[in-house]
Amino acid sequence: MSSAEEIVQKQRQFLKGRAQAYRVTFNPEGVQTRLVLMDLAKFCRAGDSTFHTDARVSALMEGRREVWLRIQQHLQLTDDELWGLLTG
């Protein structure tokens, strides 16, 4: 295996480990986890527009939403799909 292939393999393993950490931390089977995810969904405006007439407020809300989307990516996407986002 070439050094470039080894680097890619290490990156894929790192991403897989991080995704597993998200899945363990945000295990949707746990009652407390569901409560936290429901709270984060509301706070991060998961299903709402982040538009606001004040650009600073809009940027703040978009930043919150970006955190929600990252959590959801790690919970919903396969390891290969996450790799595709990273390399795509």
PDB file of N, CA and C in Angstrom:
ATOM      1  N   MET A   1       0.851  -1.172   0.000  1.00  0.00           N
ATOM      2  CA  MET A   1       0.000   0.000   0.000  1.00  0.00           C
ATOM      3  C   MET A   1       0.902   1.243   0.000  1.00  0.00           C
ATOM      4  N   SER A   2       0.599   2.179  -0.884  1.00  0.00           N
ATOM      5  CA  SER A   2       1.403   3.397  -0.968  1.00  0.00           C
ATOM      6  C   SER A   2       1.097   4.314   0.212  1.00  0.00           C
ATOM      7  N   SER A   3       1.983   5.280   0.419  1.00  0.00           N
ATOM      8  CA  SER A   3       1.773   6.208   1.542  1.00  0.00           C
ATOM      9  C   SER A   3       0.499   7.032   1.340  1.00  0.00           C
ATOM     10  N   ALA A   4       0.160   7.363   0.090  1.00  0.00           N
ATOM     11  CA  ALA A   4      -1.079   8.107  -0.174  1.00  0.00           C
ATOM     12  C   ALA A   4      -2.292   7.264   0.197  1.00  0.00           C
ATOM     13  N   GLU A   5      -2.253   5.974  -0.134  1.00  0.00           N
ATOM     14  CA  GLU A   5      -3.363   5.085   0.215  1.00  0.00           C
ATOM     15  C   GLU A   5      -3.471   4.921   1.733  1.00  0.00           C
ATOM     16  N   GLU A   6      -2.313   4.866   2.400  1.00  0.00           N
ATOM     17  CA  GLU A   6      -2.322   4.755   3.862  1.00  0.00           C
ATOM     18  C   GLU A   6      -2.940   6.000   4.493  1.00  0.00           C
ATOM     19  N   ILE A   7      -2.625   7.162   3.956  1.00  0.00           N
ATOM     20  CA  ILE A   7      -3.195   8.412   4.472  1.00  0.00           C
ATOM     21  C   ILE A   7      -4.707   8.418   4.302  1.00  0.00           C
ATOM     22  N   VAL A   8      -5.166   8.022   3.127  1.00  0.00           N
ATOM     23  CA  VAL A   8      -6.614   7.970   2.874  1.00  0.00           C
ATOM     24  C   VAL A   8      -7.263   6.974   3.819  1.00  0.00           C
ATOM     25  N   GLN A   9      -6.638   5.825   4.002  1.00  0.00           N
ATOM     26  CA  GLN A   9      -7.190   4.811   4.907  1.00  0.00           C
ATOM     27  C   GLN A   9      -7.274   5.344   6.337  1.00  0.00           C
ATOM     28  N   LYS A  10      -6.245   6.044   6.795  1.00  0.00           N
ATOM     29  CA  LYS A  10      -6.260   6.624   8.144  1.00  0.00           C
ATOM     30  C   LYS A  10      -7.346   7.680   8.278  1.00  0.00           C
ATOM     31  N   GLN A  11      -7.531   8.491   7.227  1.00  0.00           N
ATOM     32  CA  GLN A  11      -8.579   9.513   7.265  1.00  0.00           C
ATOM     33  C   GLN A  11      -9.959   8.869   7.331  1.00  0.00           C
ATOM     34  N   ARG A  12     -10.149   7.813   6.550  1.00  0.00           N
ATOM     35  CA  ARG A  12     -11.437   7.106   6.566  1.00  0.00           C
ATOM     36  C   ARG A  12     -11.699   6.482   7.935  1.00  0.00           C
ATOM     37  N   GLN A  13     -10.672   5.920   8.547  1.00  0.00           N
ATOM     38  CA  GLN A  13     -10.820   5.323   9.871  1.00  0.00           C
ATOM     39  C   GLN A  13     -11.145   6.387  10.916  1.00  0.00           C
ATOM     40  N   PHE A  14     -10.482   7.537  10.808  1.00  0.00           N
ATOM     41  CA  PHE A  14     -10.764   8.645  11.721  1.00  0.00           C
ATOM     42  C   PHE A  14     -12.222   9.078  11.594  1.00  0.00           C
ATOM     43  N   LEU A  15     -12.688   9.258  10.366  1.00  0.00           N
ATOM     44  CA  LEU A  15     -14.067   9.682  10.127  1.00  0.00           C
ATOM     45  C   LEU A  15     -15.052   8.645  10.650  1.00  0.00           C
ATOM     46  N   LYS A  16     -14.744   7.374  10.421  1.00  0.00           N
ATOM     47  CA  LYS A  16     -15.609   6.296  10.908  1.00  0.00           C
ATOM     48  C   LYS A  16     -15.687   6.326  12.437  1.00  0.00           C
ATOM     49  N   GLY A  17     -14.555   6.533  13.094  1.00  0.00           N
ATOM     50  CA  GLY A  17     -14.538   6.604  14.559  1.00  0.00           C
ATOM     51  C   GLY A  17     -15.317   7.801  15.079  1.00  0.00           C
ATOM     52  N   ARG A  18     -15.184   8.925  14.396  1.00  0.00           N
ATOM     53  CA  ARG A  18     -15.917  10.126  14.815  1.00  0.00           C
ATOM     54  C   ARG A  18     -17.416   9.918  14.633  1.00  0.00           C
ATOM     55  N   ALA A  19     -17.808   9.325  13.516  1.00  0.00           N
ATOM     56  CA  ALA A  19     -19.231   9.063  13.284  1.00  0.00           C
ATOM     57  C   ALA A  19     -19.778   8.120  14.355  1.00  0.00           C
ATOM     58  N   GLN A  20     -18.994   7.116  14.733  1.00  0.00           N
ATOM     59  CA  GLN A  20     -19.421   6.192  15.784  1.00  0.00           C
ATOM     60  C   GLN A  20     -19.588   6.931  17.115  1.00  0.00           C
ATOM     61  N   ALA A  21     -18.691   7.851  17.397  1.00  0.00           N
ATOM     62  CA  ALA A  21     -18.803   8.640  18.634  1.00  0.00           C
ATOM     63  C   ALA A  21     -20.093   9.457  18.644  1.00  0.00           C
ATOM     64  N   TYR A  22     -20.444  10.051  17.501  1.00  0.00           N
ATOM     65  CA  TYR A  22     -21.705  10.792  17.410  1.00  0.00           C
ATOM     66  C   TYR A  22     -22.883   9.848  17.651  1.00  0.00           C
ATOM     67  N   ARG A  23     -22.829   8.665  17.041  1.00  0.00           N
ATOM     68  CA  ARG A  23     -23.950   7.724  17.167  1.00  0.00           C
ATOM     69  C   ARG A  23     -24.109   7.217  18.596  1.00  0.00           C
ATOM     70  N   VAL A  24     -22.996   7.046  19.300  1.00  0.00           N
ATOM     71  CA  VAL A  24     -23.076   6.623  20.693  1.00  0.00           C
ATOM     72  C   VAL A  24     -23.585   7.771  21.560  1.00  0.00           C
ATOM     73  N   THR A  25     -23.038   8.956  21.348  1.00  0.00           N
ATOM     74  CA  THR A  25     -23.428  10.119  22.146  1.00  0.00           C
ATOM     75  C   THR A  25     -24.881  10.499  21.929  1.00  0.00           C
ATOM     76  N   PHE A  26     -25.329  10.455  20.677  1.00  0.00           N
ATOM     77  CA  PHE A  26     -26.696  10.856  20.340  1.00  0.00           C
ATOM     78  C   PHE A  26     -27.548   9.640  19.978  1.00  0.00           C
ATOM     79  N   ASN A  27     -27.438   8.583  20.768  1.00  0.00           N
ATOM     80  CA  ASN A  27     -28.205   7.364  20.548  1.00  0.00           C
ATOM     81  C   ASN A  27     -29.698   7.672  20.670  1.00  0.00           C
ATOM     82  N   PRO A  28     -30.441   7.600  19.569  1.00  0.00           N
ATOM     83  CA  PRO A  28     -31.856   7.987  19.608  1.00  0.00           C
ATOM     84  C   PRO A  28     -32.737   7.049  20.431  1.00  0.00           C
ATOM     85  N   GLU A  29     -32.183   5.927  20.892  1.00  0.00           N
ATOM     86  CA  GLU A  29     -32.962   5.009  21.719  1.00  0.00           C
ATOM     87  C   GLU A  29     -33.083   5.513  23.157  1.00  0.00           C
ATOM     88  N   GLY A  30     -32.176   6.385  23.573  1.00  0.00           N
ATOM     89  CA  GLY A  30     -32.205   6.884  24.944  1.00  0.00           C
ATOM     90  C   GLY A  30     -33.221   7.987  25.128  1.00  0.00           C
ATOM     91  N   VAL A  31     -33.957   7.934  26.225  1.00  0.00           N
ATOM     92  CA  VAL A  31     -34.975   8.947  26.513  1.00  0.00           C
ATOM     93  C   VAL A  31     -34.327  10.319  26.658  1.00  0.00           C
ATOM     94  N   GLN A  32     -33.231  10.394  27.411  1.00  0.00           N
ATOM     95  CA  GLN A  32     -32.564  11.673  27.608  1.00  0.00           C
ATOM     96  C   GLN A  32     -32.012  12.213  26.287  1.00  0.00           C
ATOM     97  N   THR A  33     -31.504  11.323  25.467  1.00  0.00           N
ATOM     98  CA  THR A  33     -30.975  11.744  24.168  1.00  0.00           C
ATOM     99  C   THR A  33     -32.076  12.361  23.318  1.00  0.00           C
ATOM    100  N   ARG A  34     -33.238  11.738  23.306  1.00  0.00           N
ATOM    101  CA  ARG A  34     -34.363  12.285  22.528  1.00  0.00           C
ATOM    102  C   ARG A  34     -34.737  13.669  23.039  1.00  0.00           C
ATOM    103  N   LEU A  35     -34.737  13.851  24.350  1.00  0.00           N
ATOM    104  CA  LEU A  35     -35.048  15.167  24.920  1.00  0.00           C
ATOM    105  C   LEU A  35     -34.011  16.207  24.494  1.00  0.00           C
ATOM    106  N   VAL A  36     -32.740  15.832  24.538  1.00  0.00           N
ATOM    107  CA  VAL A  36     -31.675  16.753  24.136  1.00  0.00           C
ATOM    108  C   VAL A  36     -31.804  17.080  22.650  1.00  0.00           C
ATOM    109  N   LEU A  37     -32.037  16.078  21.810  1.00  0.00           N
ATOM    110  CA  LEU A  37     -32.167  16.330  20.369  1.00  0.00           C
ATOM    111  C   LEU A  37     -33.388  17.198  20.065  1.00  0.00           C
ATOM    112  N   MET A  38     -34.473  17.005  20.799  1.00  0.00           N
ATOM    113  CA  MET A  38     -35.653  17.854  20.601  1.00  0.00           C
ATOM    114  C   MET A  38     -35.336  19.297  20.980  1.00  0.00           C
ATOM    115  N   ASP A  39     -34.622  19.481  22.080  1.00  0.00           N
ATOM    116  CA  ASP A  39     -34.236  20.825  22.498  1.00  0.00           C
ATOM    117  C   ASP A  39     -33.290  21.458  21.482  1.00  0.00           C
ATOM    118  N   LEU A  40     -32.294  20.700  21.026  1.00  0.00           N
ATOM    119  CA  LEU A  40     -31.356  21.236  20.041  1.00  0.00           C
ATOM    120  C   LEU A  40     -32.051  21.568  18.723  1.00  0.00           C
ATOM    121  N   ALA A  41     -33.010  20.736  18.327  1.00  0.00           N
ATOM    122  CA  ALA A  41     -33.744  21.012  17.091  1.00  0.00           C
ATOM    123  C   ALA A  41     -34.457  22.359  17.177  1.00  0.00           C
ATOM    124  N   LYS A  42     -35.053  22.630  18.320  1.00  0.00           N
ATOM    125  CA  LYS A  42     -35.743  23.908  18.496  1.00  0.00           C
ATOM    126  C   LYS A  42     -34.740  25.060  18.553  1.00  0.00           C
ATOM    127  N   PHE A  43     -33.697  24.914  19.374  1.00  0.00           N
ATOM    128  CA  PHE A  43     -32.702  25.965  19.545  1.00  0.00           C
ATOM    129  C   PHE A  43     -31.949  26.258  18.252  1.00  0.00           C
ATOM    130  N   CYS A  44     -31.672  25.200  17.484  1.00  0.00           N
ATOM    131  CA  CYS A  44     -30.886  25.348  16.244  1.00  0.00           C
ATOM    132  C   CYS A  44     -31.741  25.638  15.016  1.00  0.00           C
ATOM    133  N   ARG A  45     -33.047  25.785  15.225  1.00  0.00           N
ATOM    134  CA  ARG A  45     -33.972  26.114  14.137  1.00  0.00           C
ATOM    135  C   ARG A  45     -33.903  25.066  13.031  1.00  0.00           C
ATOM    136  N   ALA A  46     -33.956  23.800  13.442  1.00  0.00           N
ATOM    137  CA  ALA A  46     -33.809  22.683  12.513  1.00  0.00           C
ATOM    138  C   ALA A  46     -34.829  22.723  11.377  1.00  0.00           C
ATOM    139  N   GLY A  47     -36.040  23.117  11.677  1.00  0.00           N
ATOM    140  CA  GLY A  47     -37.082  23.112  10.664  1.00  0.00           C
ATOM    141  C   GLY A  47     -37.587  24.489  10.286  1.00  0.00           C
ATOM    142  N   ASP A  48     -36.884  25.517  10.724  1.00  0.00           N
ATOM    143  CA  ASP A  48     -37.330  26.891  10.493  1.00  0.00           C
ATOM    144  C   ASP A  48     -36.312  27.667   9.670  1.00  0.00           C
ATOM    145  N   SER A  49     -36.776  28.702   9.061  1.00  0.00           N
ATOM    146  CA  SER A  49     -35.886  29.593   8.315  1.00  0.00           C
ATOM    147  C   SER A  49     -34.964  30.320   9.280  1.00  0.00           C
ATOM    148  N   THR A  50     -33.772  30.613   8.820  1.00  0.00           N
ATOM    149  CA  THR A  50     -32.830  31.390   9.625  1.00  0.00           C
ATOM    150  C   THR A  50     -32.786  32.846   9.172  1.00  0.00           C
ATOM    151  N   PHE A  51     -33.674  33.216   8.261  1.00  0.00           N
ATOM    152  CA  PHE A  51     -33.703  34.598   7.775  1.00  0.00           C
ATOM    153  C   PHE A  51     -34.118  35.541   8.890  1.00  0.00           C
ATOM    154  N   HIS A  52     -33.447  36.668   8.924  1.00  0.00           N
ATOM    155  CA  HIS A  52     -33.807  37.760   9.823  1.00  0.00           C
ATOM    156  C   HIS A  52     -33.387  39.052   9.132  1.00  0.00           C
ATOM    157  N   THR A  53     -34.097  40.120   9.373  1.00  0.00           N
ATOM    158  CA  THR A  53     -33.751  41.389   8.736  1.00  0.00           C
ATOM    159  C   THR A  53     -32.383  41.895   9.179  1.00  0.00           C
ATOM    160  N   ASP A  54     -31.965  41.537  10.381  1.00  0.00           N
ATOM    161  CA  ASP A  54     -30.635  41.892  10.877  1.00  0.00           C
ATOM    162  C   ASP A  54     -29.676  40.778  10.454  1.00  0.00           C
ATOM    163  N   ALA A  55     -28.712  41.088   9.614  1.00  0.00           N
ATOM    164  CA  ALA A  55     -27.786  40.088   9.071  1.00  0.00           C
ATOM    165  C   ALA A  55     -27.007  39.373  10.169  1.00  0.00           C
ATOM    166  N   ARG A  56     -26.708  40.073  11.253  1.00  0.00           N
ATOM    167  CA  ARG A  56     -25.969  39.444  12.356  1.00  0.00           C
ATOM    168  C   ARG A  56     -26.820  38.381  13.045  1.00  0.00           C
ATOM    169  N   VAL A  57     -28.070  38.674  13.252  1.00  0.00           N
ATOM    170  CA  VAL A  57     -28.976  37.703  13.866  1.00  0.00           C
ATOM    171  C   VAL A  57     -29.142  36.509  12.933  1.00  0.00           C
ATOM    172  N   SER A  58     -29.294  36.777  11.657  1.00  0.00           N
ATOM    173  CA  SER A  58     -29.432  35.708  10.671  1.00  0.00           C
ATOM    174  C   SER A  58     -28.192  34.813  10.662  1.00  0.00           C
ATOM    175  N   ALA A  59     -27.005  35.407  10.727  1.00  0.00           N
ATOM    176  CA  ALA A  59     -25.760  34.636  10.744  1.00  0.00           C
ATOM    177  C   ALA A  59     -25.672  33.779  12.008  1.00  0.00           C
ATOM    178  N   LEU A  60     -26.087  34.312  13.143  1.00  0.00           N
ATOM    179  CA  LEU A  60     -26.096  33.558  14.386  1.00  0.00           C
ATOM    180  C   LEU A  60     -27.005  32.341  14.270  1.00  0.00           C
ATOM    181  N   MET A  61     -28.210  32.560  13.760  1.00  0.00           N
ATOM    182  CA  MET A  61     -29.159  31.457  13.622  1.00  0.00           C
ATOM    183  C   MET A  61     -28.678  30.423  12.607  1.00  0.00           C
ATOM    184  N   GLU A  62     -28.020  30.864  11.557  1.00  0.00           N
ATOM    185  CA  GLU A  62     -27.491  29.924  10.562  1.00  0.00           C
ATOM    186  C   GLU A  62     -26.365  29.095  11.165  1.00  0.00           C
ATOM    187  N   GLY A  63     -25.550  29.700  12.021  1.00  0.00           N
ATOM    188  CA  GLY A  63     -24.498  28.957  12.708  1.00  0.00           C
ATOM    189  C   GLY A  63     -25.068  27.869  13.603  1.00  0.00           C
ATOM    190  N   ARG A  64     -26.128  28.191  14.315  1.00  0.00           N
ATOM    191  CA  ARG A  64     -26.795  27.183  15.144  1.00  0.00           C
ATOM    192  C   ARG A  64     -27.316  26.041  14.276  1.00  0.00           C
ATOM    193  N   ARG A  65     -27.931  26.400  13.169  1.00  0.00           N
ATOM    194  CA  ARG A  65     -28.496  25.384  12.283  1.00  0.00           C
ATOM    195  C   ARG A  65     -27.403  24.497  11.700  1.00  0.00           C
ATOM    196  N   GLU A  66     -26.234  25.068  11.421  1.00  0.00           N
ATOM    197  CA  GLU A  66     -25.125  24.293  10.878  1.00  0.00           C
ATOM    198  C   GLU A  66     -24.691  23.199  11.875  1.00  0.00           C
ATOM    199  N   VAL A  67     -24.712  23.517  13.161  1.00  0.00           N
ATOM    200  CA  VAL A  67     -24.375  22.520  14.178  1.00  0.00           C
ATOM    201  C   VAL A  67     -25.398  21.383  14.148  1.00  0.00           C
ATOM    202  N   TRP A  68     -26.669  21.725  14.067  1.00  0.00           N
ATOM    203  CA  TRP A  68     -27.722  20.710  13.988  1.00  0.00           C
ATOM    204  C   TRP A  68     -27.510  19.805  12.770  1.00  0.00           C
ATOM    205  N   LEU A  69     -27.220  20.408  11.638  1.00  0.00           N
ATOM    206  CA  LEU A  69     -27.024  19.623  10.414  1.00  0.00           C
ATOM    207  C   LEU A  69     -25.827  18.687  10.534  1.00  0.00           C
ATOM    208  N   ARG A  70     -24.768  19.135  11.185  1.00  0.00           N
ATOM    209  CA  ARG A  70     -23.591  18.265  11.366  1.00  0.00           C
ATOM    210  C   ARG A  70     -23.952  17.058  12.226  1.00  0.00           C
ATOM    211  N   ILE A  71     -24.664  17.287  13.311  1.00  0.00           N
ATOM    212  CA  ILE A  71     -25.087  16.170  14.159  1.00  0.00           C
ATOM    213  C   ILE A  71     -25.931  15.200  13.348  1.00  0.00           C
ATOM    214  N   GLN A  72     -26.878  15.737  12.609  1.00  0.00           N
ATOM    215  CA  GLN A  72     -27.762  14.882  11.822  1.00  0.00           C
ATOM    216  C   GLN A  72     -27.015  14.111  10.738  1.00  0.00           C
ATOM    217  N   GLN A  73     -26.032  14.736  10.102  1.00  0.00           N
ATOM    218  CA  GLN A  73     -25.232  14.022   9.106  1.00  0.00           C
ATOM    219  C   GLN A  73     -24.581  12.794   9.736  1.00  0.00           C
ATOM    220  N   HIS A  74     -23.999  12.970  10.901  1.00  0.00           N
ATOM    221  CA  HIS A  74     -23.304  11.860  11.538  1.00  0.00           C
ATOM    222  C   HIS A  74     -24.269  10.790  12.050  1.00  0.00           C
ATOM    223  N   LEU A  75     -25.492  11.153  12.311  1.00  0.00           N
ATOM    224  CA  LEU A  75     -26.473  10.174  12.771  1.00  0.00           C
ATOM    225  C   LEU A  75     -27.180   9.467  11.624  1.00  0.00           C
ATOM    226  N   GLN A  76     -27.337  10.141  10.493  1.00  0.00           N
ATOM    227  CA  GLN A  76     -28.194   9.618   9.429  1.00  0.00           C
ATOM    228  C   GLN A  76     -27.434   9.031   8.237  1.00  0.00           C
ATOM    229  N   LEU A  77     -26.240   9.530   7.987  1.00  0.00           N
ATOM    230  CA  LEU A  77     -25.511   9.096   6.800  1.00  0.00           C
ATOM    231  C   LEU A  77     -24.615   7.907   7.105  1.00  0.00           C
ATOM    232  N   THR A  78     -24.374   7.099   6.089  1.00  0.00           N
ATOM    233  CA  THR A  78     -23.431   5.992   6.236  1.00  0.00           C
ATOM    234  C   THR A  78     -22.013   6.543   6.251  1.00  0.00           C
ATOM    235  N   ASP A  79     -21.069   5.706   6.635  1.00  0.00           N
ATOM    236  CA  ASP A  79     -19.670   6.122   6.628  1.00  0.00           C
ATOM    237  C   ASP A  79     -19.229   6.520   5.217  1.00  0.00           C
ATOM    238  N   ASP A  80     -19.691   5.792   4.216  1.00  0.00           N
ATOM    239  CA  ASP A  80     -19.328   6.123   2.820  1.00  0.00           C
ATOM    240  C   ASP A  80     -19.944   7.451   2.392  1.00  0.00           C
ATOM    241  N   GLU A  81     -21.169   7.723   2.815  1.00  0.00           N
ATOM    242  CA  GLU A  81     -21.796   9.004   2.471  1.00  0.00           C
ATOM    243  C   GLU A  81     -21.065  10.171   3.135  1.00  0.00           C
ATOM    244  N   LEU A  82     -20.657   9.986   4.401  1.00  0.00           N
ATOM    245  CA  LEU A  82     -19.883  11.026   5.080  1.00  0.00           C
ATOM    246  C   LEU A  82     -18.551  11.250   4.370  1.00  0.00           C
ATOM    247  N   TRP A  83     -17.903  10.163   3.960  1.00  0.00           N
ATOM    248  CA  TRP A  83     -16.639  10.288   3.227  1.00  0.00           C
ATOM    249  C   TRP A  83     -16.856  11.070   1.921  1.00  0.00           C
ATOM    250  N   GLY A  84     -17.969  10.798   1.258  1.00  0.00           N
ATOM    251  CA  GLY A  84     -18.285  11.525   0.026  1.00  0.00           C
ATOM    252  C   GLY A  84     -18.459  13.018   0.265  1.00  0.00           C
ATOM    253  N   LEU A  85     -19.040  13.400   1.391  1.00  0.00           N
ATOM    254  CA  LEU A  85     -19.179  14.814   1.719  1.00  0.00           C
ATOM    255  C   LEU A  85     -17.808  15.452   1.937  1.00  0.00           C
ATOM    256  N   LEU A  86     -16.925  14.720   2.579  1.00  0.00           N
ATOM    257  CA  LEU A  86     -15.596  15.232   2.864  1.00  0.00           C
ATOM    258  C   LEU A  86     -14.746  15.382   1.599  1.00  0.00           C
ATOM    259  N   THR A  87     -14.892  14.429   0.704  1.00  0.00           N
ATOM    260  CA  THR A  87     -14.026  14.414  -0.480  1.00  0.00           C
ATOM    261  C   THR A  87     -14.688  14.954  -1.729  1.00  0.00           C
ATOM    262  N   GLY A  88     -16.030  15.111  -1.664  1.00  0.00           N
ATOM    263  CA  GLY A  88     -16.802  15.502  -2.831  1.00  0.00           C
ATOM    264  C   GLY A  88     -16.525  16.859  -3.285  1.00  0.00           C
TER     265      GLY A  88
END
